[in-house]
Amino acid sequence: MSRSRLSKSLLLTVLFFGALATNPLAASEIKENAQLAKQRAEMKGRQRRIIYNNDGYEVFLDGTNTPAGFLAIRMKATLDTQVDSIFYCTGTSTMFTHQAKVGEIYGKYAEGMTVTNNVQALHENYKTDALALTVQFCHENDLELFFTHRINDIHDSFNDFEHCTWKREHPEYLLGKREDYKKYPQTDPRNRWAALNFEIPEVLDYLLAIIDDVLARYDVDGIEIDYFRNPLFFRPNQVGKPATSEQVKILTGFQSRVRDLAYKHGNQRGRPILVATRVPVTKRLCRYVGIDIEQWLKEDCLDMLMVGVGCHPFTRPTRELVELGHAHGVPVYPVIAGSTARPKQRTLEHLRGAAAICWHADADGVYLFNTYAEVFGMNYHDIFTELGDPNKLASKNKIFCIDHNRVVWGGIKNALLQHQILPLELDGSSKPLHVTLPVADDVAGAAKEGRLELLTLRVQFEGRAPEDKVELRLNGDLLKSTKEDAKSGWVIYATDPSQYRHGDNAIALRVSDWHDKEKPVFVNSVELRVDYHAGAVTN
């Protein structure tokens, strides 16, 4: 090892063990102050209509090299809205825009980039950083603030400037090798070569030291451990196998140690620090990646539960974890992610539909992830003032749909529900294709009350010839098409409000007359648009 490389390694080691030294108590010795335990219970139950997860991308943009410029991009849009909590991300697992003492700050491998210039300008000219500014802004405006740690972010698999020195000097800590990115397709988990191997104790210790450093120096209200920004922690998942029992114990131990850090720093500052986690959408899928979510709840390892990646907000079975969390006194917030939706589903009407489904599942609020209003042609004010109030939302126009798998997110297909994600191929044997369309509005009731203006059910087919006849049944009722567009593949069907259930609706599609069975026919989209009369309000 060269002298320069050795000195870098020693520096990281000193910083790492220096952070650990601030925690002289063993995990088993850390107890929560009784008064703080009472306060924590009260904090768990506070109102969180909308939790806005800000990925911190504004620091990568021009004009955010001053505190005023930084706050103007996104943070000020949360004022006087339904946003009650900000979850702020400052980078990847080990590379940050805050002035980290453990981990690395954007700079060395991003020299000359806007993010580096902004981080340096905030620090050198104003003695602050993105996280400190966000903490101050939130506390001045009575907003809850969590530091969200994407503990296994793999952006550095394809962004070399985010691949930190620690990983470069310890390639044995990773699940793969750099050449795996080109060797395997993006749909293969092995393509995410920079994922950390959580079976290595040094990996866990380093991540905990990063968290310890943040909790020691920033006045955050909580810490979120984001297990879903790449839920690939163990080698079996790389080849389509579930995590082993021993690996499950490793993640349980890690989450328990996070709780201990929250206790330690909460005791020191005299104010509780809450712990939140983002996990897959069912107990089974959690267990697949190594998370025993039921055990975590039994052991009081978390105060808030965030459910899902958010790219399939209509299809996921949210209610299972909502009920599990509530059984243990833990509020649950389903995730809605805008960036992974199909471009034509990035509308306010789609967001309203997804939020309505969250509320229909008895969630405690909605959690917005990667919701880039400036990219989607919307504005933050509309998003932030509607989705967090189910009563206000009830009379708003919406679109309910069946999710489309635009991407195999992060190459972790087995951690997602895929059984009815579109597109799906119609069976040439004339066997019906069964899918479920969730409708969180009581459209039949709205029609009786005179609030409903229009219902439009439409299905988009791909590869369907004009001669092909497709039979569609809604909750057993055979529907007739009223309009077809051969070029786009969209078919509109006539329906009556009374045919819809308030909740899951069964749709069966069958090719009754196939012109060319050698040519596949796919169902690309299923959407129900619900329009209300202007000024309509719920009773």
Protein backbone atom coordinates (compact mmCIF):
# COMPACT_ATOMS: atom_id res chain seq x y z
CA MET A 1 0.00 0.00 0.00
CA SER A 2 1.37 3.44 -0.91
CA ARG A 3 2.13 6.00 1.82
CA SER A 4 -0.65 8.33 0.61
CA ARG A 5 -3.16 5.52 0.51
CA LEU A 6 -2.08 4.35 3.96
CA SER A 7 -2.49 7.85 5.41
CA LYS A 8 -6.01 8.11 3.95
CA SER A 9 -6.92 4.76 5.44
CA LEU A 10 -5.53 5.75 8.83
CA LEU A 11 -7.47 9.02 8.76
CA LEU A 12 -10.71 7.21 8.05
CA THR A 13 -9.94 4.72 10.80
CA VAL A 14 -9.28 7.49 13.32
CA LEU A 15 -12.50 9.27 12.39
CA PHE A 16 -14.42 6.02 12.51
CA PHE A 17 -13.23 4.84 15.90
CA GLY A 18 -13.34 8.37 17.24
CA ALA A 19 -17.07 8.39 16.54
CA LEU A 20 -17.50 5.01 18.16
CA ALA A 21 -15.64 6.24 21.21
CA THR A 22 -18.42 8.77 21.83
CA ASN A 23 -20.58 5.80 22.71
CA PRO A 24 -18.91 4.19 25.74
CA LEU A 25 -22.00 2.18 26.61
CA ALA A 26 -22.52 -1.28 25.22
CA ALA A 27 -25.83 -1.73 23.45
CA SER A 28 -27.29 -3.78 26.29
CA GLU A 29 -26.45 -1.02 28.80
CA ILE A 30 -28.29 1.79 27.00
CA LYS A 31 -31.66 2.53 28.56
CA GLU A 32 -34.16 5.21 27.68
CA ASN A 33 -34.94 7.83 30.28
CA ALA A 34 -38.47 7.20 31.63
CA GLN A 35 -39.57 10.77 30.99
CA LEU A 36 -38.23 10.62 27.44
CA ALA A 37 -40.10 7.36 26.86
CA LYS A 38 -43.33 9.17 27.68
CA GLN A 39 -42.40 12.05 25.38
CA ARG A 40 -41.48 9.61 22.61
CA ALA A 41 -44.91 8.01 22.79
CA GLU A 42 -46.47 11.44 22.36
CA MET A 43 -44.17 12.31 19.47
CA LYS A 44 -45.02 9.06 17.68
CA GLY A 45 -48.66 10.08 17.57
CA ARG A 46 -48.23 13.61 16.21
CA GLN A 47 -50.03 14.59 13.03
CA ARG A 48 -48.14 13.81 9.83
CA ARG A 49 -50.53 14.44 6.96
CA ILE A 50 -47.76 14.55 4.39
CA ILE A 51 -44.17 13.46 4.94
CA TYR A 52 -42.01 14.99 2.24
CA ASN A 53 -38.82 13.05 1.56
CA ASN A 54 -36.44 15.56 0.00
CA ASP A 55 -33.60 13.71 -1.70
CA GLY A 56 -31.39 16.79 -1.37
CA TYR A 57 -30.94 17.24 -5.11
CA GLU A 58 -31.28 21.02 -4.90
CA VAL A 59 -27.63 21.18 -3.78
CA PHE A 60 -26.73 19.84 -7.23
CA LEU A 61 -28.43 22.82 -8.92
CA ASP A 62 -27.20 26.29 -9.76
CA GLY A 63 -28.16 29.03 -7.34
CA THR A 64 -28.03 27.01 -4.13
CA ASN A 65 -24.65 28.26 -2.98
CA THR A 66 -26.32 30.61 -0.48
CA PRO A 67 -28.77 29.81 2.33
CA ALA A 68 -31.52 31.85 0.66
CA GLY A 69 -30.95 30.20 -2.70
CA PHE A 70 -30.92 26.75 -1.15
CA LEU A 71 -34.19 27.21 0.76
CA ALA A 72 -35.97 28.79 -2.22
CA ILE A 73 -35.73 25.71 -4.46
CA ARG A 74 -37.92 23.33 -2.43
CA MET A 75 -38.10 24.00 1.27
CA LYS A 76 -40.16 27.21 1.16
CA ALA A 77 -42.82 25.40 -0.88
CA THR A 78 -43.70 23.36 2.23
CA LEU A 79 -44.86 26.41 4.21
CA ASP A 80 -48.60 26.78 4.87
CA THR A 81 -49.33 23.34 3.41
CA GLN A 82 -50.25 19.88 4.69
CA VAL A 83 -46.55 18.94 4.98
CA ASP A 84 -45.89 18.25 8.65
CA SER A 85 -42.56 16.40 8.36
CA ILE A 86 -39.45 16.67 6.22
CA PHE A 87 -37.22 13.65 5.73
CA TYR A 88 -33.96 15.05 4.38
CA CYS A 89 -31.33 13.04 2.51
CA THR A 90 -27.81 14.40 2.11
CA GLY A 91 -26.40 11.87 -0.34
CA THR A 92 -25.64 8.18 -0.64
CA SER A 93 -24.75 5.67 2.07
CA THR A 94 -21.26 7.07 2.63
CA MET A 95 -20.99 10.27 0.51
CA PHE A 96 -22.74 13.40 1.79
CA THR A 97 -23.49 17.08 1.28
CA HIS A 98 -23.49 17.76 5.02
CA GLN A 99 -20.19 18.34 6.82
CA ALA A 100 -19.74 14.72 7.81
CA LYS A 101 -16.97 13.77 10.21
CA VAL A 102 -17.57 10.09 9.43
CA GLY A 103 -18.11 9.24 5.81
CA GLU A 104 -17.04 11.48 2.95
CA ILE A 105 -18.13 14.88 1.63
CA TYR A 106 -18.72 15.47 -2.08
CA GLY A 107 -15.54 16.98 -3.45
CA LYS A 108 -12.58 14.76 -4.17
CA TYR A 109 -14.24 12.73 -6.94
CA ALA A 110 -16.67 15.50 -7.94
CA GLU A 111 -14.17 18.30 -8.30
CA GLY A 112 -15.56 21.18 -10.34
CA MET A 113 -19.13 19.87 -10.23
CA THR A 114 -21.94 22.17 -9.12
CA VAL A 115 -22.63 20.06 -6.04
CA THR A 116 -19.03 20.39 -4.85
CA ASN A 117 -18.96 24.13 -5.45
CA ASN A 118 -22.24 24.61 -3.57
CA VAL A 119 -21.19 22.45 -0.62
CA GLN A 120 -17.90 24.33 -0.33
CA ALA A 121 -19.56 27.76 -0.68
CA LEU A 122 -22.12 27.04 2.03
CA HIS A 123 -19.42 25.82 4.37
CA GLU A 124 -16.70 28.39 3.68
CA ASN A 125 -18.85 31.50 3.25
CA TYR A 126 -21.73 30.78 5.65
CA LYS A 127 -20.38 28.12 8.04
CA THR A 128 -23.36 25.88 7.29
CA ASP A 129 -24.50 23.00 5.09
CA ALA A 130 -27.65 21.51 3.58
CA LEU A 131 -28.64 19.52 6.66
CA ALA A 132 -27.99 22.36 9.12
CA LEU A 133 -30.05 24.76 6.97
CA THR A 134 -32.90 22.29 6.76
CA VAL A 135 -32.88 21.65 10.52
CA GLN A 136 -33.00 25.38 11.21
CA PHE A 137 -35.74 25.99 8.64
CA CYS A 138 -37.91 23.17 9.98
CA HIS A 139 -37.61 24.16 13.62
CA GLU A 140 -38.36 27.80 12.82
CA ASN A 141 -41.53 26.71 11.02
CA ASP A 142 -42.75 23.97 13.39
CA LEU A 143 -41.91 21.17 10.97
CA GLU A 144 -40.57 17.81 12.10
CA LEU A 145 -37.17 16.96 10.62
CA PHE A 146 -35.66 13.50 10.11
CA PHE A 147 -32.25 12.68 8.67
CA THR A 148 -32.88 9.88 6.18
CA HIS A 149 -29.96 7.53 5.67
CA ARG A 150 -30.02 5.42 2.53
CA ILE A 151 -27.86 2.76 4.09
CA ASN A 152 -27.24 0.80 0.90
CA ASP A 153 -27.57 3.34 -1.89
CA ILE A 154 -25.95 2.09 -5.10
CA HIS A 155 -25.85 5.24 -7.26
CA ASP A 156 -22.09 4.78 -7.18
CA SER A 157 -22.50 1.64 -9.25
CA PHE A 158 -22.90 3.97 -12.24
CA ASN A 159 -21.87 7.40 -10.84
CA ASP A 160 -18.16 7.11 -10.15
CA PHE A 161 -18.00 10.52 -8.43
CA GLU A 162 -20.17 9.06 -5.65
CA HIS A 163 -17.94 6.05 -5.05
CA CYS A 164 -16.20 7.00 -1.82
CA THR A 165 -12.62 6.42 -0.69
CA TRP A 166 -13.71 3.91 1.97
CA LYS A 167 -15.30 1.66 -0.66
CA ARG A 168 -12.38 2.10 -3.03
CA GLU A 169 -9.95 1.00 -0.33
CA HIS A 170 -12.17 -1.87 0.83
CA PRO A 171 -13.67 -3.56 -2.26
CA GLU A 172 -14.08 -6.69 -0.13
CA TYR A 173 -16.92 -4.89 1.69
CA LEU A 174 -19.03 -4.89 -1.49
CA LEU A 175 -21.29 -7.55 -2.95
CA GLY A 176 -19.77 -7.19 -6.39
CA LYS A 177 -17.00 -5.84 -8.57
CA ARG A 178 -16.89 -2.84 -10.88
CA GLU A 179 -16.95 -5.02 -14.00
CA ASP A 180 -20.31 -6.49 -12.92
CA TYR A 181 -22.06 -3.32 -14.08
CA LYS A 182 -21.33 -4.18 -17.71
CA LYS A 183 -21.34 -7.93 -17.20
CA TYR A 184 -24.96 -8.13 -15.99
CA PRO A 185 -28.10 -6.34 -17.26
CA GLN A 186 -29.83 -3.74 -15.10
CA THR A 187 -32.58 -6.24 -14.28
CA ASP A 188 -29.99 -8.47 -12.57
CA PRO A 189 -29.22 -7.64 -8.91
CA ARG A 190 -25.54 -8.33 -9.58
CA ASN A 191 -25.50 -5.24 -11.77
CA ARG A 192 -25.68 -3.22 -8.51
CA TRP A 193 -22.10 -4.14 -7.72
CA ALA A 194 -21.45 -1.34 -5.19
CA ALA A 195 -24.03 -2.66 -2.71
CA LEU A 196 -22.59 -3.26 0.75
CA ASN A 197 -22.30 -6.74 2.22
CA PHE A 198 -24.09 -6.60 5.58
CA GLU A 199 -22.52 -9.85 6.75
CA ILE A 200 -19.27 -7.96 7.30
CA PRO A 201 -19.16 -6.44 10.83
CA GLU A 202 -16.96 -3.52 9.70
CA VAL A 203 -19.70 -2.46 7.28
CA LEU A 204 -22.33 -2.33 10.01
CA ASP A 205 -19.98 -0.51 12.40
CA TYR A 206 -19.13 2.12 9.79
CA LEU A 207 -22.78 2.83 8.95
CA LEU A 208 -23.61 3.12 12.65
CA ALA A 209 -20.69 5.49 13.13
CA ILE A 210 -22.11 7.72 10.39
CA ILE A 211 -25.48 7.78 12.14
CA ASP A 212 -23.79 8.40 15.49
CA ASP A 213 -21.99 11.41 14.03
CA VAL A 214 -25.19 12.94 12.62
CA LEU A 215 -27.17 12.47 15.83
CA ALA A 216 -24.33 13.96 17.86
CA ARG A 217 -23.98 17.16 15.82
CA TYR A 218 -27.36 17.93 14.21
CA ASP A 219 -30.54 18.71 16.14
CA VAL A 220 -32.76 16.31 14.17
CA ASP A 221 -36.06 14.99 15.49
CA GLY A 222 -35.49 11.52 14.13
CA ILE A 223 -33.48 9.15 11.98
CA GLU A 224 -34.94 7.14 9.10
CA ILE A 225 -33.13 4.00 8.02
CA ASP A 226 -34.06 3.57 4.37
CA TYR A 227 -33.80 -0.15 3.68
CA PHE A 228 -35.52 0.24 0.31
CA ARG A 229 -33.14 2.53 -1.56
CA ASN A 230 -31.53 -0.71 -2.51
CA PRO A 231 -32.80 -3.69 -0.50
CA LEU A 232 -29.87 -5.90 -1.41
CA PHE A 233 -27.92 -6.75 1.72
CA PHE A 234 -26.92 -10.40 1.33
CA ARG A 235 -25.57 -12.65 -1.41
CA PRO A 236 -28.55 -15.03 -1.69
CA ASN A 237 -30.70 -12.16 -3.02
CA GLN A 238 -28.24 -11.71 -5.87
CA VAL A 239 -29.27 -15.08 -7.27
CA GLY A 240 -32.98 -14.99 -6.50
CA LYS A 241 -32.88 -16.69 -3.09
CA PRO A 242 -34.16 -15.36 0.25
CA ALA A 243 -31.91 -14.24 3.07
CA THR A 244 -31.00 -16.95 5.56
CA SER A 245 -32.13 -17.05 9.19
CA GLU A 246 -28.70 -15.93 10.34
CA GLN A 247 -28.77 -13.02 7.94
CA VAL A 248 -32.19 -12.00 9.27
CA LYS A 249 -30.65 -11.87 12.76
CA ILE A 250 -27.93 -9.57 11.45
CA LEU A 251 -30.41 -6.93 10.27
CA THR A 252 -32.42 -7.24 13.48
CA GLY A 253 -29.25 -6.60 15.45
CA PHE A 254 -28.38 -3.63 13.26
CA GLN A 255 -31.80 -2.05 13.70
CA SER A 256 -31.57 -2.61 17.46
CA ARG A 257 -28.22 -0.78 17.52
CA VAL A 258 -29.79 2.14 15.65
CA ARG A 259 -32.42 2.32 18.38
CA ASP A 260 -29.64 2.32 21.00
CA LEU A 261 -27.98 5.29 19.30
CA ALA A 262 -31.30 7.15 19.36
CA TYR A 263 -31.65 6.39 23.07
CA LYS A 264 -28.09 7.53 23.78
CA HIS A 265 -28.36 10.86 22.02
CA GLY A 266 -31.92 11.42 23.19
CA ASN A 267 -30.80 10.97 26.79
CA GLN A 268 -27.90 13.36 26.27
CA ARG A 269 -29.99 16.14 24.74
CA GLY A 270 -33.03 15.58 26.96
CA ARG A 271 -35.38 15.09 24.01
CA PRO A 272 -36.36 11.84 22.27
CA ILE A 273 -35.03 10.96 18.84
CA LEU A 274 -37.53 8.91 16.84
CA VAL A 275 -36.56 5.98 14.62
CA ALA A 276 -38.29 5.32 11.31
CA THR A 277 -37.68 2.63 8.70
CA ARG A 278 -38.67 2.16 5.05
CA VAL A 279 -39.23 -1.47 4.13
CA PRO A 280 -40.90 -3.70 1.48
CA VAL A 281 -44.70 -3.90 1.42
CA THR A 282 -45.42 -7.26 3.10
CA LYS A 283 -43.97 -9.42 5.86
CA ARG A 284 -43.00 -12.01 3.27
CA LEU A 285 -41.13 -9.56 1.07
CA CYS A 286 -39.43 -8.02 4.12
CA ARG A 287 -38.29 -11.46 5.17
CA TYR A 288 -36.94 -12.14 1.67
CA VAL A 289 -34.37 -9.33 1.99
CA GLY A 290 -33.58 -10.12 5.64
CA ILE A 291 -36.06 -7.95 7.57
CA ASP A 292 -38.14 -9.57 10.30
CA ILE A 293 -40.51 -6.62 10.57
CA GLU A 294 -42.80 -8.29 13.09
CA GLN A 295 -39.86 -8.95 15.42
CA TRP A 296 -38.66 -5.37 15.05
CA LEU A 297 -42.06 -4.13 16.13
CA LYS A 298 -42.19 -6.54 19.06
CA GLU A 299 -38.76 -5.35 20.22
CA ASP A 300 -39.75 -1.67 19.87
CA CYS A 301 -36.98 -1.04 17.33
CA LEU A 302 -38.94 1.63 15.43
CA ASP A 303 -41.44 4.43 15.98
CA MET A 304 -42.67 4.92 12.41
CA LEU A 305 -43.02 2.54 9.49
CA MET A 306 -42.72 3.62 5.85
CA VAL A 307 -44.09 1.05 3.41
CA GLY A 308 -42.80 0.29 -0.07
CA VAL A 309 -40.63 1.69 -2.80
CA GLY A 310 -43.59 3.77 -3.99
CA CYS A 311 -43.36 3.02 -7.71
CA HIS A 312 -46.46 0.78 -7.49
CA PRO A 313 -48.78 2.80 -5.22
CA PHE A 314 -51.98 1.39 -6.72
CA THR A 315 -51.12 -2.31 -6.73
CA ARG A 316 -49.35 -2.91 -3.42
CA PRO A 317 -51.29 -4.57 -0.54
CA THR A 318 -50.72 -1.71 1.92
CA ARG A 319 -53.21 -2.80 4.54
CA GLU A 320 -51.19 -5.78 5.85
CA LEU A 321 -48.37 -3.66 7.28
CA VAL A 322 -50.75 -0.87 8.28
CA GLU A 323 -52.63 -3.31 10.50
CA LEU A 324 -49.39 -4.84 11.79
CA GLY A 325 -47.94 -1.47 12.68
CA HIS A 326 -51.12 -0.30 14.37
CA ALA A 327 -51.26 -3.52 16.41
CA HIS A 328 -47.94 -2.43 17.94
CA GLY A 329 -48.85 1.24 18.31
CA VAL A 330 -46.69 2.34 15.37
CA PRO A 331 -48.02 4.78 12.72
CA VAL A 332 -47.66 3.65 9.11
CA TYR A 333 -47.07 5.77 6.02
CA PRO A 334 -47.28 4.23 2.51
CA VAL A 335 -44.81 5.64 0.01
CA ILE A 336 -45.76 7.34 -3.24
CA ALA A 337 -42.79 7.79 -5.60
CA GLY A 338 -43.23 10.04 -8.59
CA SER A 339 -39.96 9.46 -10.39
CA THR A 340 -40.62 5.80 -11.18
CA ALA A 341 -44.14 6.34 -12.57
CA ARG A 342 -44.71 6.29 -16.31
CA PRO A 343 -44.45 9.82 -17.72
CA LYS A 344 -48.19 9.89 -18.52
CA GLN A 345 -48.95 8.90 -14.92
CA ARG A 346 -47.07 11.88 -13.48
CA THR A 347 -50.17 14.00 -13.09
CA LEU A 348 -51.90 15.54 -10.12
CA GLU A 349 -54.92 13.30 -10.78
CA HIS A 350 -52.75 10.18 -10.49
CA LEU A 351 -51.16 11.46 -7.27
CA ARG A 352 -54.62 12.14 -5.86
CA GLY A 353 -55.68 8.59 -6.71
CA ALA A 354 -52.58 7.09 -5.10
CA ALA A 355 -53.06 9.20 -1.97
CA ALA A 356 -56.72 8.23 -1.74
CA ILE A 357 -55.67 4.58 -1.75
CA CYS A 358 -53.29 5.25 1.14
CA TRP A 359 -56.08 6.83 3.20
CA HIS A 360 -58.51 4.03 2.25
CA ALA A 361 -56.02 1.54 3.76
CA ASP A 362 -56.24 3.42 7.10
CA ALA A 363 -52.72 4.84 6.78
CA ASP A 364 -51.66 7.61 9.13
CA GLY A 365 -50.52 9.85 6.29
CA VAL A 366 -48.80 9.80 2.91
CA TYR A 367 -45.07 9.76 2.28
CA LEU A 368 -43.88 11.47 -0.91
CA PHE A 369 -40.62 10.19 -2.36
CA ASN A 370 -38.80 11.60 -5.43
CA THR A 371 -41.74 13.83 -6.23
CA TYR A 372 -40.18 16.31 -8.61
CA ALA A 373 -42.92 18.85 -9.31
CA GLU A 374 -40.62 20.94 -11.48
CA VAL A 375 -39.97 17.92 -13.71
CA PHE A 376 -43.59 16.75 -13.87
CA GLY A 377 -44.98 20.12 -14.95
CA MET A 378 -46.80 20.60 -11.63
CA ASN A 379 -46.13 22.81 -8.67
CA TYR A 380 -45.35 21.77 -5.13
CA HIS A 381 -48.14 23.89 -3.67
CA ASP A 382 -50.90 21.84 -5.35
CA ILE A 383 -49.30 18.57 -4.27
CA PHE A 384 -48.62 19.72 -0.73
CA THR A 385 -52.10 21.21 -0.13
CA GLU A 386 -54.30 18.32 -1.30
CA LEU A 387 -52.91 14.85 -0.69
CA GLY A 388 -52.81 15.04 3.12
CA ASP A 389 -56.52 15.61 3.76
CA PRO A 390 -58.81 12.68 2.82
CA ASN A 391 -61.92 14.81 3.21
CA LYS A 392 -60.66 17.52 0.89
CA LEU A 393 -59.32 14.88 -1.48
CA ALA A 394 -62.68 13.10 -1.73
CA SER A 395 -64.24 15.68 -4.08
CA LYS A 396 -61.15 16.09 -6.30
CA ASN A 397 -60.87 14.56 -9.77
CA LYS A 398 -58.68 11.45 -9.72
CA ILE A 399 -57.31 8.65 -11.81
CA PHE A 400 -57.12 5.12 -10.41
CA CYS A 401 -55.06 2.63 -12.37
CA ILE A 402 -53.16 -0.62 -12.36
CA ASP A 403 -49.46 0.03 -12.00
CA HIS A 404 -47.05 -0.30 -14.88
CA ASN A 405 -43.57 -1.68 -14.36
CA ARG A 406 -41.63 1.01 -16.22
CA VAL A 407 -38.44 -0.20 -14.56
CA VAL A 408 -37.35 -3.21 -12.57
CA TRP A 409 -36.36 -0.93 -9.73
CA GLY A 410 -32.78 -1.45 -8.66
CA GLY A 411 -32.76 -4.97 -10.06
CA ILE A 412 -34.57 -6.35 -7.00
CA LYS A 413 -37.60 -7.85 -8.72
CA ASN A 414 -38.14 -10.43 -5.97
CA ALA A 415 -38.59 -7.66 -3.37
CA LEU A 416 -41.53 -6.25 -5.36
CA LEU A 417 -45.00 -7.57 -6.01
CA GLN A 418 -45.09 -8.42 -9.72
CA HIS A 419 -48.12 -10.67 -10.16
CA GLN A 420 -50.36 -8.04 -11.77
CA ILE A 421 -47.99 -5.27 -12.76
CA LEU A 422 -48.65 -4.26 -16.36
CA PRO A 423 -47.95 -4.95 -19.15
CA LEU A 424 -49.42 -8.46 -19.14
CA GLU A 425 -49.94 -10.78 -22.08
CA LEU A 426 -53.38 -12.13 -22.93
CA ASP A 427 -53.46 -15.92 -23.12
CA GLY A 428 -54.02 -17.36 -26.59
CA SER A 429 -56.04 -20.19 -25.08
CA SER A 430 -58.84 -17.68 -24.36
CA LYS A 431 -58.24 -18.11 -20.63
CA PRO A 432 -59.22 -14.87 -18.86
CA LEU A 433 -56.55 -12.57 -17.48
CA HIS A 434 -57.54 -11.44 -13.98
CA VAL A 435 -56.30 -8.15 -12.52
CA THR A 436 -57.50 -5.89 -9.72
CA LEU A 437 -58.34 -2.22 -10.11
CA PRO A 438 -58.38 -0.37 -6.77
CA VAL A 439 -60.95 2.44 -6.48
CA ALA A 440 -60.64 4.33 -3.21
CA ASP A 441 -63.63 6.61 -3.90
CA ASP A 442 -67.23 5.56 -3.30
CA VAL A 443 -68.31 6.43 -6.83
CA ALA A 444 -71.73 4.78 -6.45
CA GLY A 445 -72.44 6.90 -3.37
CA ALA A 446 -71.14 10.04 -5.09
CA ALA A 447 -73.48 9.39 -8.02
CA LYS A 448 -76.50 9.05 -5.70
CA GLU A 449 -75.56 12.33 -4.00
CA GLY A 450 -75.29 14.11 -7.37
CA ARG A 451 -71.58 14.88 -6.96
CA LEU A 452 -70.28 12.64 -9.74
CA GLU A 453 -69.94 14.16 -13.18
CA LEU A 454 -68.25 11.46 -15.27
CA LEU A 455 -66.61 8.04 -15.09
CA THR A 456 -64.24 6.94 -17.81
CA LEU A 457 -62.85 3.40 -17.85
CA ARG A 458 -60.26 2.81 -20.53
CA VAL A 459 -57.80 0.05 -21.39
CA GLN A 460 -54.78 0.30 -23.65
CA PHE A 461 -53.84 -2.74 -25.72
CA GLU A 462 -50.63 -3.37 -27.64
CA GLY A 463 -50.50 -5.67 -30.65
CA ARG A 464 -54.28 -5.94 -30.94
CA ALA A 465 -55.56 -6.03 -34.52
CA PRO A 466 -58.89 -4.33 -35.33
CA GLU A 467 -60.38 -7.78 -35.96
CA ASP A 468 -59.40 -9.08 -32.52
CA LYS A 469 -62.31 -9.08 -30.10
CA VAL A 470 -61.47 -8.68 -26.42
CA GLU A 471 -64.08 -9.38 -23.76
CA LEU A 472 -63.88 -7.33 -20.57
CA ARG A 473 -65.82 -8.00 -17.37
CA LEU A 474 -65.97 -5.64 -14.39
CA ASN A 475 -66.92 -7.45 -11.19
CA GLY A 476 -68.57 -10.09 -13.35
CA ASP A 477 -70.49 -7.66 -15.60
CA LEU A 478 -69.73 -7.81 -19.33
CA LEU A 479 -68.91 -4.33 -20.63
CA LYS A 480 -69.35 -2.80 -24.07
CA SER A 481 -66.77 -0.59 -25.73
CA THR A 482 -67.91 2.88 -26.76
CA LYS A 483 -64.80 4.19 -28.48
CA GLU A 484 -61.64 2.67 -29.90
CA ASP A 485 -58.43 4.26 -31.17
CA ALA A 486 -56.51 1.75 -33.26
CA LYS A 487 -53.40 3.92 -33.41
CA SER A 488 -52.92 4.40 -29.65
CA GLY A 489 -54.56 1.11 -28.64
CA TRP A 490 -56.96 2.77 -26.17
CA VAL A 491 -60.47 1.37 -25.78
CA ILE A 492 -63.12 3.17 -23.69
CA TYR A 493 -65.86 1.11 -22.01
CA ALA A 494 -69.34 2.08 -20.86
CA THR A 495 -69.90 1.58 -17.14
CA ASP A 496 -72.40 2.59 -14.49
CA PRO A 497 -71.30 3.88 -11.06
CA SER A 498 -73.25 1.09 -9.39
CA GLN A 499 -70.93 -1.47 -10.98
CA TYR A 500 -67.93 -0.29 -8.95
CA ARG A 501 -66.99 -1.46 -5.50
CA HIS A 502 -65.51 0.89 -2.94
CA GLY A 503 -62.15 -0.86 -2.84
CA ASP A 504 -60.83 -3.65 -5.06
CA ASN A 505 -62.57 -4.25 -8.38
CA ALA A 506 -62.11 -7.48 -10.32
CA ILE A 507 -61.35 -7.10 -14.02
CA ALA A 508 -61.24 -10.11 -16.36
CA LEU A 509 -59.97 -9.78 -19.94
CA ARG A 510 -60.27 -12.49 -22.56
CA VAL A 511 -59.64 -12.62 -26.31
CA SER A 512 -62.85 -14.14 -27.65
CA ASP A 513 -61.90 -13.85 -31.33
CA TRP A 514 -58.23 -13.74 -32.20
CA HIS A 515 -57.23 -12.78 -35.75
CA ASP A 516 -53.61 -13.94 -35.49
CA LYS A 517 -52.72 -16.09 -32.51
CA GLU A 518 -49.04 -15.97 -33.42
CA LYS A 519 -49.01 -12.26 -32.64
CA PRO A 520 -49.10 -11.51 -28.88
CA VAL A 521 -51.60 -9.05 -27.43
CA PHE A 522 -50.65 -7.13 -24.28
CA VAL A 523 -52.65 -5.12 -21.80
CA ASN A 524 -50.55 -1.99 -21.28
CA SER A 525 -52.77 0.19 -19.10
CA VAL A 526 -56.04 0.10 -17.18
CA GLU A 527 -57.36 3.44 -15.90
CA LEU A 528 -60.50 4.80 -14.33
CA ARG A 529 -60.91 8.56 -14.39
CA VAL A 530 -63.32 9.96 -11.81
CA ASP A 531 -64.58 13.51 -12.42
CA TYR A 532 -66.71 15.43 -9.94
CA HIS A 533 -68.96 18.43 -10.50
CA ALA A 534 -67.20 21.72 -9.84
CA GLY A 535 -67.73 22.78 -6.26
CA ALA A 536 -68.89 19.31 -5.19
CA VAL A 537 -68.23 18.54 -1.54
CA THR A 538 -68.64 15.39 0.52
CA ASN A 539 -71.34 15.13 3.15
